[in-house]
C-alpha atoms as a PDB file:
ATOM      1  CA  MET A   1     -38.200  36.881  18.349  1.00  0.00           C
ATOM      2  CA  ARG A   2     -39.209  35.066  15.152  1.00  0.00           C
ATOM      3  CA  THR A   3     -36.263  36.583  13.292  1.00  0.00           C
ATOM      4  CA  LEU A   4     -33.859  35.373  15.965  1.00  0.00           C
ATOM      5  CA  THR A   5     -35.352  31.869  15.862  1.00  0.00           C
ATOM      6  CA  ALA A   6     -35.199  31.782  12.063  1.00  0.00           C
ATOM      7  CA  LEU A   7     -31.593  33.029  12.075  1.00  0.00           C
ATOM      8  CA  THR A   8     -30.629  30.408  14.654  1.00  0.00           C
ATOM      9  CA  LEU A   9     -32.250  27.690  12.569  1.00  0.00           C
ATOM     10  CA  VAL A  10     -30.384  28.831   9.424  1.00  0.00           C
ATOM     11  CA  LEU A  11     -27.058  28.860  11.272  1.00  0.00           C
ATOM     12  CA  LEU A  12     -27.644  25.407  12.732  1.00  0.00           C
ATOM     13  CA  THR A  13     -28.599  24.029   9.319  1.00  0.00           C
ATOM     14  CA  ALA A  14     -25.518  25.542   7.677  1.00  0.00           C
ATOM     15  CA  THR A  15     -23.275  24.171  10.420  1.00  0.00           C
ATOM     16  CA  ALA A  16     -24.785  20.708  10.091  1.00  0.00           C
ATOM     17  CA  ALA A  17     -24.408  20.748   6.301  1.00  0.00           C
ATOM     18  CA  ALA A  18     -20.771  21.813   6.557  1.00  0.00           C
ATOM     19  CA  ALA A  19     -20.061  19.039   9.039  1.00  0.00           C
ATOM     20  CA  CYS A  20     -21.520  16.426   6.679  1.00  0.00           C
ATOM     21  CA  SER A  21     -19.701  17.552   3.546  1.00  0.00           C
ATOM     22  CA  SER A  22     -16.626  15.698   2.347  1.00  0.00           C
ATOM     23  CA  PRO A  23     -13.296  17.207   3.279  1.00  0.00           C
ATOM     24  CA  SER A  24     -11.362  19.275   0.783  1.00  0.00           C
ATOM     25  CA  PRO A  25      -8.618  17.465  -1.202  1.00  0.00           C
ATOM     26  CA  SER A  26      -5.853  19.003   0.907  1.00  0.00           C
ATOM     27  CA  ARG A  27      -7.661  17.977   4.083  1.00  0.00           C
ATOM     28  CA  SER A  28      -8.162  14.452   2.693  1.00  0.00           C
ATOM     29  CA  ALA A  29      -4.455  14.179   1.954  1.00  0.00           C
ATOM     30  CA  THR A  30      -3.700  15.302   5.482  1.00  0.00           C
ATOM     31  CA  LEU A  31      -6.098  12.758   6.941  1.00  0.00           C
ATOM     32  CA  LEU A  32      -4.997   9.857   4.758  1.00  0.00           C
ATOM     33  CA  GLY A  33      -1.388  10.755   3.932  1.00  0.00           C
ATOM     34  CA  SER A  34       0.158  11.263   0.539  1.00  0.00           C
ATOM     35  CA  ALA A  35      -0.687   8.959  -2.346  1.00  0.00           C
ATOM     36  CA  THR A  36       2.791   7.412  -2.132  1.00  0.00           C
ATOM     37  CA  ARG A  37       2.362   6.820   1.588  1.00  0.00           C
ATOM     38  CA  GLN A  38      -0.970   5.126   0.886  1.00  0.00           C
ATOM     39  CA  ASP A  39       0.726   2.993  -1.794  1.00  0.00           C
ATOM     40  CA  CYS A  40       3.442   2.036   0.700  1.00  0.00           C
ATOM     41  CA  THR A  41       0.795   1.043   3.218  1.00  0.00           C
ATOM     42  CA  ALA A  42      -0.907  -1.140   0.595  1.00  0.00           C
ATOM     43  CA  VAL A  43       2.406  -2.836  -0.264  1.00  0.00           C
ATOM     44  CA  ALA A  44       3.232  -3.426   3.396  1.00  0.00           C
ATOM     45  CA  ASP A  45      -0.262  -4.815   3.986  1.00  0.00           C
ATOM     46  CA  VAL A  46       0.135  -7.322   1.148  1.00  0.00           C
ATOM     47  CA  LEU A  47       3.578  -8.369   2.290  1.00  0.00           C
ATOM     48  CA  SER A  48       2.403  -8.882   5.863  1.00  0.00           C
ATOM     49  CA  ASP A  49      -0.109 -11.534   4.720  1.00  0.00           C
ATOM     50  CA  GLY A  50       0.599 -15.167   4.000  1.00  0.00           C
ATOM     51  CA  PRO A  51       2.866 -17.764   5.543  1.00  0.00           C
ATOM     52  CA  ASP A  52       5.781 -16.754   7.747  1.00  0.00           C
ATOM     53  CA  PRO A  53       8.610 -15.878   5.319  1.00  0.00           C
ATOM     54  CA  ASP A  54      11.224 -17.416   7.645  1.00  0.00           C
ATOM     55  CA  ALA A  55       9.343 -20.677   8.211  1.00  0.00           C
ATOM     56  CA  ASP A  56       8.062 -21.152   4.636  1.00  0.00           C
ATOM     57  CA  PRO A  57       9.983 -18.932   2.200  1.00  0.00           C
ATOM     58  CA  ILE A  58       8.636 -20.633  -0.932  1.00  0.00           C
ATOM     59  CA  GLY A  59       5.031 -20.603   0.296  1.00  0.00           C
ATOM     60  CA  TYR A  60       5.453 -16.970   1.311  1.00  0.00           C
ATOM     61  CA  ALA A  61       6.813 -16.080  -2.147  1.00  0.00           C
ATOM     62  CA  GLN A  62       3.948 -17.899  -3.870  1.00  0.00           C
ATOM     63  CA  ALA A  63       1.396 -16.121  -1.683  1.00  0.00           C
ATOM     64  CA  GLN A  64       2.739 -12.666  -2.608  1.00  0.00           C
ATOM     65  CA  VAL A  65       2.872 -12.787  -6.403  1.00  0.00           C
ATOM     66  CA  LEU A  66      -0.795 -12.290  -7.297  1.00  0.00           C
ATOM     67  CA  PRO A  67      -1.639  -9.719  -4.576  1.00  0.00           C
ATOM     68  CA  LEU A  68       1.417  -7.639  -5.524  1.00  0.00           C
ATOM     69  CA  LYS A  69       0.501  -7.751  -9.212  1.00  0.00           C
ATOM     70  CA  GLN A  70      -3.060  -6.660  -8.405  1.00  0.00           C
ATOM     71  CA  LEU A  71      -1.995  -3.503  -6.547  1.00  0.00           C
ATOM     72  CA  THR A  72      -2.718  -0.219  -8.280  1.00  0.00           C
ATOM     73  CA  ILE A  73       0.247   2.007  -7.497  1.00  0.00           C
ATOM     74  CA  GLY A  74       0.395   5.582  -8.736  1.00  0.00           C
ATOM     75  CA  ASP A  75       4.078   6.243  -8.017  1.00  0.00           C
ATOM     76  CA  ALA A  76       6.021   4.958 -11.069  1.00  0.00           C
ATOM     77  CA  PRO A  77       9.295   4.046  -9.310  1.00  0.00           C
ATOM     78  CA  LEU A  78       7.410   2.213  -6.574  1.00  0.00           C
ATOM     79  CA  ARG A  79       5.212   0.453  -9.142  1.00  0.00           C
ATOM     80  CA  ARG A  80       8.343  -0.786 -10.974  1.00  0.00           C
ATOM     81  CA  ALA A  81       9.957  -1.916  -7.712  1.00  0.00           C
ATOM     82  CA  VAL A  82       6.824  -3.829  -6.681  1.00  0.00           C
ATOM     83  CA  GLN A  83       6.516  -5.458 -10.125  1.00  0.00           C
ATOM     84  CA  THR A  84      10.167  -6.487  -9.912  1.00  0.00           C
ATOM     85  CA  LEU A  85       9.555  -7.939  -6.461  1.00  0.00           C
ATOM     86  CA  ALA A  86       6.510  -9.888  -7.690  1.00  0.00           C
ATOM     87  CA  SER A  87       8.554 -11.286 -10.599  1.00  0.00           C
ATOM     88  CA  ALA A  88      11.395 -12.195  -8.258  1.00  0.00           C
ATOM     89  CA  TYR A  89       8.989 -13.999  -5.915  1.00  0.00           C
ATOM     90  CA  GLN A  90       7.525 -15.843  -8.920  1.00  0.00           C
ATOM     91  CA  ALA A  91      10.974 -16.965 -10.073  1.00  0.00           C
ATOM     92  CA  PHE A  92      11.978 -17.962  -6.548  1.00  0.00           C
ATOM     93  CA  SER A  93       8.856 -20.030  -5.978  1.00  0.00           C
ATOM     94  CA  THR A  94       9.348 -22.023  -9.188  1.00  0.00           C
ATOM     95  CA  SER A  95      13.111 -22.565  -9.169  1.00  0.00           C
ATOM     96  CA  SER A  96      15.565 -24.789  -7.329  1.00  0.00           C
ATOM     97  CA  GLY A  97      19.278 -25.466  -7.136  1.00  0.00           C
ATOM     98  CA  ALA A  98      21.536 -22.809  -8.612  1.00  0.00           C
ATOM     99  CA  ALA A  99      18.557 -21.097 -10.223  1.00  0.00           C
ATOM    100  CA  GLY A 100      16.900 -20.985  -6.803  1.00  0.00           C
ATOM    101  CA  THR A 101      19.978 -19.329  -5.322  1.00  0.00           C
ATOM    102  CA  ALA A 102      19.994 -16.715  -8.097  1.00  0.00           C
ATOM    103  CA  ALA A 103      16.260 -16.168  -7.631  1.00  0.00           C
ATOM    104  CA  ALA A 104      16.751 -15.714  -3.874  1.00  0.00           C
ATOM    105  CA  LEU A 105      19.315 -13.011  -4.633  1.00  0.00           C
ATOM    106  CA  ARG A 106      16.819 -11.317  -6.984  1.00  0.00           C
ATOM    107  CA  VAL A 107      14.216 -11.376  -4.193  1.00  0.00           C
ATOM    108  CA  SER A 108      16.686  -9.860  -1.751  1.00  0.00           C
ATOM    109  CA  ASN A 109      17.645  -7.082  -4.192  1.00  0.00           C
ATOM    110  CA  ALA A 110      13.998  -6.384  -5.010  1.00  0.00           C
ATOM    111  CA  GLN A 111      13.127  -6.175  -1.306  1.00  0.00           C
ATOM    112  CA  VAL A 112      15.927  -3.648  -0.803  1.00  0.00           C
ATOM    113  CA  ALA A 113      14.578  -1.563  -3.705  1.00  0.00           C
ATOM    114  CA  VAL A 114      11.042  -1.587  -2.268  1.00  0.00           C
ATOM    115  CA  ASN A 115      12.318  -0.752   1.214  1.00  0.00           C
ATOM    116  CA  LYS A 116      14.262   2.247  -0.147  1.00  0.00           C
ATOM    117  CA  LEU A 117      10.947   3.693  -1.337  1.00  0.00           C
ATOM    118  CA  CYS A 118       8.806   2.336   1.514  1.00  0.00           C
ATOM    119  CA  PRO A 119      10.987   1.737   4.577  1.00  0.00           C
ATOM    120  CA  GLN A 120      10.313  -1.610   6.241  1.00  0.00           C
ATOM    121  CA  ALA A 121       7.524  -2.605   3.831  1.00  0.00           C
ATOM    122  CA  ALA A 122       9.264  -5.758   2.596  1.00  0.00           C
ATOM    123  CA  PRO A 123      10.483  -8.331   5.119  1.00  0.00           C
END
């Protein structure tokens, strides 16, 4: 009887320890998504914050520059697209007249580039 009790205790302890361990890398990726998908989520999260882009386009652009520049993005093409978008927002928020029109076009093109890599991330 003692052997059965001891064996049961060992099995319960092993099961509890396995349940508390961190998941394997492949399981983590499955739970959280790929690194690029996580980067896309971070970009979309940043771009969903701030003023309404339709109601206050300049305020929205100003609010996005620093958070976009602070993102750590592993995927090189996405990182370049996000940096381009941040620069375009910066130019748009500080320009007016013809320069403002050109900057608005840069923003639009940069949003398209980001959305190609992360569908619907940029408004």
